[in-house]
Every structure is written in C-alpha cells, then in structure tokens.
Amino acid sequence: MSKSFYHFLIKYRHPKPMDAISSFANDAYLDHSFPKNSFDYHEISSYLELNAPYLKSMTDFDDAWEQYLFSEG
C-alpha cells in the first residue's frame, strides 16, 4: 500500500460533511492521537474502539477501510 489509511481518509474531509465517511474524516483530522502512519486494520480499529467517541459506528470505519483497500487495489 502506498499511503496510510489516515492519508487516504483525509481526502474525504469536507466543511459540510455529506456522509458518514466525510464526518469520520473531519473528526480523524482533529484527533491528534489518531494512528496517522498505520496501514494495519487491527491497530486502527482497536484505537477507534477505545479512543474515538466521535465515531458513531464501527461500520463507518469498515466502509472506509473497504474503500481504502479498493483504492490501493
């Protein structure tokens, strides 16, 4: 993979979030502890489960992760 999940996700930032992934991207950008250089699903999902009250559903992460894998495909 050429870029971390965080760097993939950030391209979805939007001043007026249009969907759950845009909201997730905005919140991850503001989360200074987010594992920005990680390529690992389990590391990121564990971090989010324990430290990301902004994420309304882990399904949002899973959907974004699928898009990440497809984009790197």
PDB file of N, CA and C in Angstrom:
ATOM      1  N   MET A   1       0.851  -1.181   0.000  1.00  0.00           N
ATOM      2  CA  MET A   1       0.000   0.000   0.000  1.00  0.00           C
ATOM      3  C   MET A   1       0.889   1.235   0.000  1.00  0.00           C
ATOM      4  N   SER A   2       0.481   2.194  -0.758  1.00  0.00           N
ATOM      5  CA  SER A   2       1.339   3.364  -0.934  1.00  0.00           C
ATOM      6  C   SER A   2       1.106   4.468   0.098  1.00  0.00           C
ATOM      7  N   LYS A   3      -0.089   4.529   0.679  1.00  0.00           N
ATOM      8  CA  LYS A   3      -0.322   5.561   1.684  1.00  0.00           C
ATOM      9  C   LYS A   3      -1.112   4.969   2.848  1.00  0.00           C
ATOM     10  N   SER A   4      -0.925   5.578   3.995  1.00  0.00           N
ATOM     11  CA  SER A   4      -1.595   5.094   5.195  1.00  0.00           C
ATOM     12  C   SER A   4      -3.104   5.314   5.075  1.00  0.00           C
ATOM     13  N   PHE A   5      -3.826   4.611   5.923  1.00  0.00           N
ATOM     14  CA  PHE A   5      -5.283   4.763   5.939  1.00  0.00           C
ATOM     15  C   PHE A   5      -5.659   6.213   6.224  1.00  0.00           C
ATOM     16  N   TYR A   6      -4.989   6.828   7.178  1.00  0.00           N
ATOM     17  CA  TYR A   6      -5.279   8.216   7.531  1.00  0.00           C
ATOM     18  C   TYR A   6      -5.149   9.125   6.312  1.00  0.00           C
ATOM     19  N   HIS A   7      -4.070   8.969   5.570  1.00  0.00           N
ATOM     20  CA  HIS A   7      -3.862   9.829   4.403  1.00  0.00           C
ATOM     21  C   HIS A   7      -4.895   9.564   3.315  1.00  0.00           C
ATOM     22  N   PHE A   8      -5.367   8.339   3.223  1.00  0.00           N
ATOM     23  CA  PHE A   8      -6.482   8.039   2.323  1.00  0.00           C
ATOM     24  C   PHE A   8      -7.752   8.738   2.818  1.00  0.00           C
ATOM     25  N   LEU A   9      -8.036   8.598   4.104  1.00  0.00           N
ATOM     26  CA  LEU A   9      -9.275   9.114   4.685  1.00  0.00           C
ATOM     27  C   LEU A   9      -9.388  10.628   4.581  1.00  0.00           C
ATOM     28  N   ILE A  10      -8.287  11.321   4.772  1.00  0.00           N
ATOM     29  CA  ILE A  10      -8.300  12.783   4.822  1.00  0.00           C
ATOM     30  C   ILE A  10      -8.806  13.409   3.518  1.00  0.00           C
ATOM     31  N   LYS A  11      -8.673  12.699   2.418  1.00  0.00           N
ATOM     32  CA  LYS A  11      -9.179  13.280   1.165  1.00  0.00           C
ATOM     33  C   LYS A  11     -10.700  13.429   1.171  1.00  0.00           C
ATOM     34  N   TYR A  12     -11.380  12.816   2.142  1.00  0.00           N
ATOM     35  CA  TYR A  12     -12.836  12.919   2.251  1.00  0.00           C
ATOM     36  C   TYR A  12     -13.292  14.043   3.177  1.00  0.00           C
ATOM     37  N   ARG A  13     -12.329  14.807   3.735  1.00  0.00           N
ATOM     38  CA  ARG A  13     -12.723  15.925   4.586  1.00  0.00           C
ATOM     39  C   ARG A  13     -13.570  16.901   3.787  1.00  0.00           C
ATOM     40  N   HIS A  14     -14.558  17.471   4.470  1.00  0.00           N
ATOM     41  CA  HIS A  14     -15.443  18.430   3.814  1.00  0.00           C
ATOM     42  C   HIS A  14     -16.011  19.364   4.880  1.00  0.00           C
ATOM     43  N   PRO A  15     -16.058  20.677   4.593  1.00  0.00           N
ATOM     44  CA  PRO A  15     -16.580  21.627   5.592  1.00  0.00           C
ATOM     45  C   PRO A  15     -18.015  21.300   6.021  1.00  0.00           C
ATOM     46  N   LYS A  16     -18.785  20.763   5.088  1.00  0.00           N
ATOM     47  CA  LYS A  16     -20.155  20.339   5.393  1.00  0.00           C
ATOM     48  C   LYS A  16     -20.239  18.857   5.040  1.00  0.00           C
ATOM     49  N   PRO A  17     -19.951  17.997   6.011  1.00  0.00           N
ATOM     50  CA  PRO A  17     -19.901  16.562   5.710  1.00  0.00           C
ATOM     51  C   PRO A  17     -21.156  16.080   4.997  1.00  0.00           C
ATOM     52  N   MET A  18     -20.923  15.350   3.919  1.00  0.00           N
ATOM     53  CA  MET A  18     -22.024  14.887   3.093  1.00  0.00           C
ATOM     54  C   MET A  18     -22.487  13.487   3.483  1.00  0.00           C
ATOM     55  N   ASP A  19     -21.618  12.763   4.216  1.00  0.00           N
ATOM     56  CA  ASP A  19     -21.945  11.390   4.586  1.00  0.00           C
ATOM     57  C   ASP A  19     -21.118  10.998   5.805  1.00  0.00           C
ATOM     58  N   ALA A  20     -21.275   9.760   6.235  1.00  0.00           N
ATOM     59  CA  ALA A  20     -20.591   9.292   7.442  1.00  0.00           C
ATOM     60  C   ALA A  20     -19.074   9.294   7.270  1.00  0.00           C
ATOM     61  N   ILE A  21     -18.597   8.976   6.075  1.00  0.00           N
ATOM     62  CA  ILE A  21     -17.144   8.945   5.870  1.00  0.00           C
ATOM     63  C   ILE A  21     -16.560  10.356   5.917  1.00  0.00           C
ATOM     64  N   SER A  22     -17.265  11.333   5.388  1.00  0.00           N
ATOM     65  CA  SER A  22     -16.804  12.721   5.485  1.00  0.00           C
ATOM     66  C   SER A  22     -16.744  13.182   6.940  1.00  0.00           C
ATOM     67  N   SER A  23     -17.758  12.819   7.728  1.00  0.00           N
ATOM     68  CA  SER A  23     -17.749  13.165   9.152  1.00  0.00           C
ATOM     69  C   SER A  23     -16.585  12.490   9.855  1.00  0.00           C
ATOM     70  N   PHE A  24     -16.361  11.216   9.553  1.00  0.00           N
ATOM     71  CA  PHE A  24     -15.254  10.459  10.124  1.00  0.00           C
ATOM     72  C   PHE A  24     -13.927  11.125   9.760  1.00  0.00           C
ATOM     73  N   ALA A  25     -13.771  11.520   8.519  1.00  0.00           N
ATOM     74  CA  ALA A  25     -12.536  12.166   8.073  1.00  0.00           C
ATOM     75  C   ALA A  25     -12.307  13.475   8.817  1.00  0.00           C
ATOM     76  N   ASN A  26     -13.339  14.272   8.959  1.00  0.00           N
ATOM     77  CA  ASN A  26     -13.208  15.536   9.688  1.00  0.00           C
ATOM     78  C   ASN A  26     -12.777  15.292  11.128  1.00  0.00           C
ATOM     79  N   ASP A  27     -13.415  14.315  11.778  1.00  0.00           N
ATOM     80  CA  ASP A  27     -13.102  14.036  13.175  1.00  0.00           C
ATOM     81  C   ASP A  27     -11.705  13.433  13.327  1.00  0.00           C
ATOM     82  N   ALA A  28     -11.321  12.542  12.427  1.00  0.00           N
ATOM     83  CA  ALA A  28      -9.981  11.944  12.489  1.00  0.00           C
ATOM     84  C   ALA A  28      -8.911  13.020  12.322  1.00  0.00           C
ATOM     85  N   TYR A  29      -9.179  13.990  11.472  1.00  0.00           N
ATOM     86  CA  TYR A  29      -8.241  15.093  11.262  1.00  0.00           C
ATOM     87  C   TYR A  29      -8.005  15.872  12.555  1.00  0.00           C
ATOM     88  N   LEU A  30      -9.057  16.030  13.346  1.00  0.00           N
ATOM     89  CA  LEU A  30      -8.954  16.778  14.606  1.00  0.00           C
ATOM     90  C   LEU A  30      -8.393  15.935  15.748  1.00  0.00           C
ATOM     91  N   ASP A  31      -8.322  14.628  15.561  1.00  0.00           N
ATOM     92  CA  ASP A  31      -7.832  13.699  16.578  1.00  0.00           C
ATOM     93  C   ASP A  31      -6.310  13.594  16.466  1.00  0.00           C
ATOM     94  N   HIS A  32      -5.605  14.311  17.311  1.00  0.00           N
ATOM     95  CA  HIS A  32      -4.142  14.371  17.223  1.00  0.00           C
ATOM     96  C   HIS A  32      -3.455  13.059  17.593  1.00  0.00           C
ATOM     97  N   SER A  33      -4.188  12.137  18.193  1.00  0.00           N
ATOM     98  CA  SER A  33      -3.607  10.844  18.563  1.00  0.00           C
ATOM     99  C   SER A  33      -3.907   9.742  17.551  1.00  0.00           C
ATOM    100  N   PHE A  34      -4.678  10.053  16.534  1.00  0.00           N
ATOM    101  CA  PHE A  34      -5.032   9.042  15.527  1.00  0.00           C
ATOM    102  C   PHE A  34      -3.744   8.433  14.963  1.00  0.00           C
ATOM    103  N   PRO A  35      -3.714   7.113  14.777  1.00  0.00           N
ATOM    104  CA  PRO A  35      -2.501   6.463  14.234  1.00  0.00           C
ATOM    105  C   PRO A  35      -2.305   6.800  12.751  1.00  0.00           C
ATOM    106  N   LYS A  36      -1.741   7.952  12.505  1.00  0.00           N
ATOM    107  CA  LYS A  36      -1.662   8.521  11.161  1.00  0.00           C
ATOM    108  C   LYS A  36      -0.798   7.735  10.182  1.00  0.00           C
ATOM    109  N   ASN A  37       0.147   6.984  10.666  1.00  0.00           N
ATOM    110  CA  ASN A  37       1.047   6.266   9.764  1.00  0.00           C
ATOM    111  C   ASN A  37       0.747   4.782   9.660  1.00  0.00           C
ATOM    112  N   SER A  38      -0.390   4.366  10.207  1.00  0.00           N
ATOM    113  CA  SER A  38      -0.707   2.942  10.240  1.00  0.00           C
ATOM    114  C   SER A  38      -1.360   2.468   8.939  1.00  0.00           C
ATOM    115  N   PHE A  39      -0.987   1.243   8.577  1.00  0.00           N
ATOM    116  CA  PHE A  39      -1.582   0.539   7.448  1.00  0.00           C
ATOM    117  C   PHE A  39      -2.361  -0.684   7.953  1.00  0.00           C
ATOM    118  N   ASP A  40      -2.434  -0.829   9.287  1.00  0.00           N
ATOM    119  CA  ASP A  40      -2.940  -2.045   9.901  1.00  0.00           C
ATOM    120  C   ASP A  40      -4.382  -1.895  10.390  1.00  0.00           C
ATOM    121  N   TYR A  41      -5.270  -2.720   9.851  1.00  0.00           N
ATOM    122  CA  TYR A  41      -6.688  -2.684  10.211  1.00  0.00           C
ATOM    123  C   TYR A  41      -6.885  -2.845  11.717  1.00  0.00           C
ATOM    124  N   HIS A  42      -6.234  -3.841  12.305  1.00  0.00           N
ATOM    125  CA  HIS A  42      -6.458  -4.140  13.716  1.00  0.00           C
ATOM    126  C   HIS A  42      -5.946  -3.026  14.628  1.00  0.00           C
ATOM    127  N   GLU A  43      -4.829  -2.445  14.293  1.00  0.00           N
ATOM    128  CA  GLU A  43      -4.312  -1.326  15.087  1.00  0.00           C
ATOM    129  C   GLU A  43      -5.281  -0.147  15.060  1.00  0.00           C
ATOM    130  N   ILE A  44      -5.755   0.181  13.873  1.00  0.00           N
ATOM    131  CA  ILE A  44      -6.658   1.333  13.741  1.00  0.00           C
ATOM    132  C   ILE A  44      -8.009   1.045  14.374  1.00  0.00           C
ATOM    133  N   SER A  45      -8.567  -0.139  14.137  1.00  0.00           N
ATOM    134  CA  SER A  45      -9.883  -0.450  14.711  1.00  0.00           C
ATOM    135  C   SER A  45      -9.818  -0.493  16.237  1.00  0.00           C
ATOM    136  N   SER A  46      -8.748  -1.045  16.795  1.00  0.00           N
ATOM    137  CA  SER A  46      -8.597  -1.048  18.261  1.00  0.00           C
ATOM    138  C   SER A  46      -8.506   0.368  18.797  1.00  0.00           C
ATOM    139  N   TYR A  47      -7.722   1.205  18.118  1.00  0.00           N
ATOM    140  CA  TYR A  47      -7.614   2.603  18.530  1.00  0.00           C
ATOM    141  C   TYR A  47      -8.996   3.262  18.531  1.00  0.00           C
ATOM    142  N   LEU A  48      -9.742   3.078  17.460  1.00  0.00           N
ATOM    143  CA  LEU A  48     -11.043   3.720  17.342  1.00  0.00           C
ATOM    144  C   LEU A  48     -12.025   3.227  18.405  1.00  0.00           C
ATOM    145  N   GLU A  49     -12.014   1.920  18.658  1.00  0.00           N
ATOM    146  CA  GLU A  49     -12.930   1.370  19.665  1.00  0.00           C
ATOM    147  C   GLU A  49     -12.655   1.945  21.051  1.00  0.00           C
ATOM    148  N   LEU A  50     -11.399   2.211  21.346  1.00  0.00           N
ATOM    149  CA  LEU A  50     -11.028   2.677  22.682  1.00  0.00           C
ATOM    150  C   LEU A  50     -10.921   4.198  22.820  1.00  0.00           C
ATOM    151  N   ASN A  51     -10.715   4.903  21.707  1.00  0.00           N
ATOM    152  CA  ASN A  51     -10.356   6.325  21.810  1.00  0.00           C
ATOM    153  C   ASN A  51     -11.122   7.270  20.907  1.00  0.00           C
ATOM    154  N   ALA A  52     -12.145   6.818  20.250  1.00  0.00           N
ATOM    155  CA  ALA A  52     -12.801   7.693  19.271  1.00  0.00           C
ATOM    156  C   ALA A  52     -14.306   7.798  19.519  1.00  0.00           C
ATOM    157  N   PRO A  53     -14.698   8.570  20.528  1.00  0.00           N
ATOM    158  CA  PRO A  53     -16.135   8.721  20.777  1.00  0.00           C
ATOM    159  C   PRO A  53     -16.868   9.412  19.621  1.00  0.00           C
ATOM    160  N   TYR A  54     -16.111  10.064  18.755  1.00  0.00           N
ATOM    161  CA  TYR A  54     -16.720  10.749  17.614  1.00  0.00           C
ATOM    162  C   TYR A  54     -17.233   9.781  16.547  1.00  0.00           C
ATOM    163  N   LEU A  55     -16.727   8.558  16.534  1.00  0.00           N
ATOM    164  CA  LEU A  55     -17.147   7.596  15.510  1.00  0.00           C
ATOM    165  C   LEU A  55     -18.476   6.988  15.942  1.00  0.00           C
ATOM    166  N   LYS A  56     -19.516   7.277  15.190  1.00  0.00           N
ATOM    167  CA  LYS A  56     -20.856   6.849  15.559  1.00  0.00           C
ATOM    168  C   LYS A  56     -21.035   5.337  15.451  1.00  0.00           C
ATOM    169  N   SER A  57     -20.326   4.724  14.505  1.00  0.00           N
ATOM    170  CA  SER A  57     -20.444   3.283  14.295  1.00  0.00           C
ATOM    171  C   SER A  57     -19.159   2.750  13.682  1.00  0.00           C
ATOM    172  N   MET A  58     -18.740   1.584  14.135  1.00  0.00           N
ATOM    173  CA  MET A  58     -17.553   0.966  13.532  1.00  0.00           C
ATOM    174  C   MET A  58     -17.834   0.579  12.080  1.00  0.00           C
ATOM    175  N   THR A  59     -19.089   0.495  11.713  1.00  0.00           N
ATOM    176  CA  THR A  59     -19.439   0.237  10.318  1.00  0.00           C
ATOM    177  C   THR A  59     -18.901   1.344   9.423  1.00  0.00           C
ATOM    178  N   ASP A  60     -18.884   2.572   9.931  1.00  0.00           N
ATOM    179  CA  ASP A  60     -18.335   3.690   9.146  1.00  0.00           C
ATOM    180  C   ASP A  60     -16.855   3.453   8.865  1.00  0.00           C
ATOM    181  N   PHE A  61     -16.129   2.973   9.870  1.00  0.00           N
ATOM    182  CA  PHE A  61     -14.722   2.644   9.666  1.00  0.00           C
ATOM    183  C   PHE A  61     -14.585   1.491   8.674  1.00  0.00           C
ATOM    184  N   ASP A  62     -15.390   0.463   8.845  1.00  0.00           N
ATOM    185  CA  ASP A  62     -15.306  -0.694   7.934  1.00  0.00           C
ATOM    186  C   ASP A  62     -15.582  -0.291   6.490  1.00  0.00           C
ATOM    187  N   ASP A  63     -16.565   0.571   6.295  1.00  0.00           N
ATOM    188  CA  ASP A  63     -16.873   1.045   4.938  1.00  0.00           C
ATOM    189  C   ASP A  63     -15.698   1.833   4.357  1.00  0.00           C
ATOM    190  N   ALA A  64     -15.118   2.694   5.173  1.00  0.00           N
ATOM    191  CA  ALA A  64     -13.966   3.482   4.717  1.00  0.00           C
ATOM    192  C   ALA A  64     -12.773   2.554   4.443  1.00  0.00           C
ATOM    193  N   TRP A  65     -12.583   1.543   5.287  1.00  0.00           N
ATOM    194  CA  TRP A  65     -11.471   0.606   5.093  1.00  0.00           C
ATOM    195  C   TRP A  65     -11.635  -0.152   3.769  1.00  0.00           C
ATOM    196  N   GLU A  66     -12.857  -0.575   3.456  1.00  0.00           N
ATOM    197  CA  GLU A  66     -13.101  -1.263   2.176  1.00  0.00           C
ATOM    198  C   GLU A  66     -12.740  -0.365   0.999  1.00  0.00           C
ATOM    199  N   GLN A  67     -13.123   0.894   1.078  1.00  0.00           N
ATOM    200  CA  GLN A  67     -12.779   1.829   0.005  1.00  0.00           C
ATOM    201  C   GLN A  67     -11.260   2.015  -0.086  1.00  0.00           C
ATOM    202  N   TYR A  68     -10.619   2.053   1.072  1.00  0.00           N
ATOM    203  CA  TYR A  68      -9.154   2.168   1.124  1.00  0.00           C
ATOM    204  C   TYR A  68      -8.499   0.986   0.423  1.00  0.00           C
ATOM    205  N   LEU A  69      -8.934  -0.213   0.753  1.00  0.00           N
ATOM    206  CA  LEU A  69      -8.358  -1.413   0.117  1.00  0.00           C
ATOM    207  C   LEU A  69      -8.610  -1.414  -1.387  1.00  0.00           C
ATOM    208  N   PHE A  70      -9.815  -1.021  -1.790  1.00  0.00           N
ATOM    209  CA  PHE A  70     -10.153  -0.978  -3.212  1.00  0.00           C
ATOM    210  C   PHE A  70      -9.310   0.058  -3.939  1.00  0.00           C
ATOM    211  N   SER A  71      -9.064   1.202  -3.304  1.00  0.00           N
ATOM    212  CA  SER A  71      -8.289   2.266  -3.962  1.00  0.00           C
ATOM    213  C   SER A  71      -6.831   1.883  -4.113  1.00  0.00           C
ATOM    214  N   GLU A  72      -6.348   1.023  -3.224  1.00  0.00           N
ATOM    215  CA  GLU A  72      -4.959   0.594  -3.268  1.00  0.00           C
ATOM    216  C   GLU A  72      -4.779  -0.625  -4.158  1.00  0.00           C
ATOM    217  N   GLY A  73      -5.904  -1.243  -4.518  1.00  0.00           N
ATOM    218  CA  GLY A  73      -6.016  -2.480  -5.190  1.00  0.00           C
ATOM    219  C   GLY A  73      -5.233  -2.896  -6.296  1.00  0.00           C
TER     220      GLY A  73
END
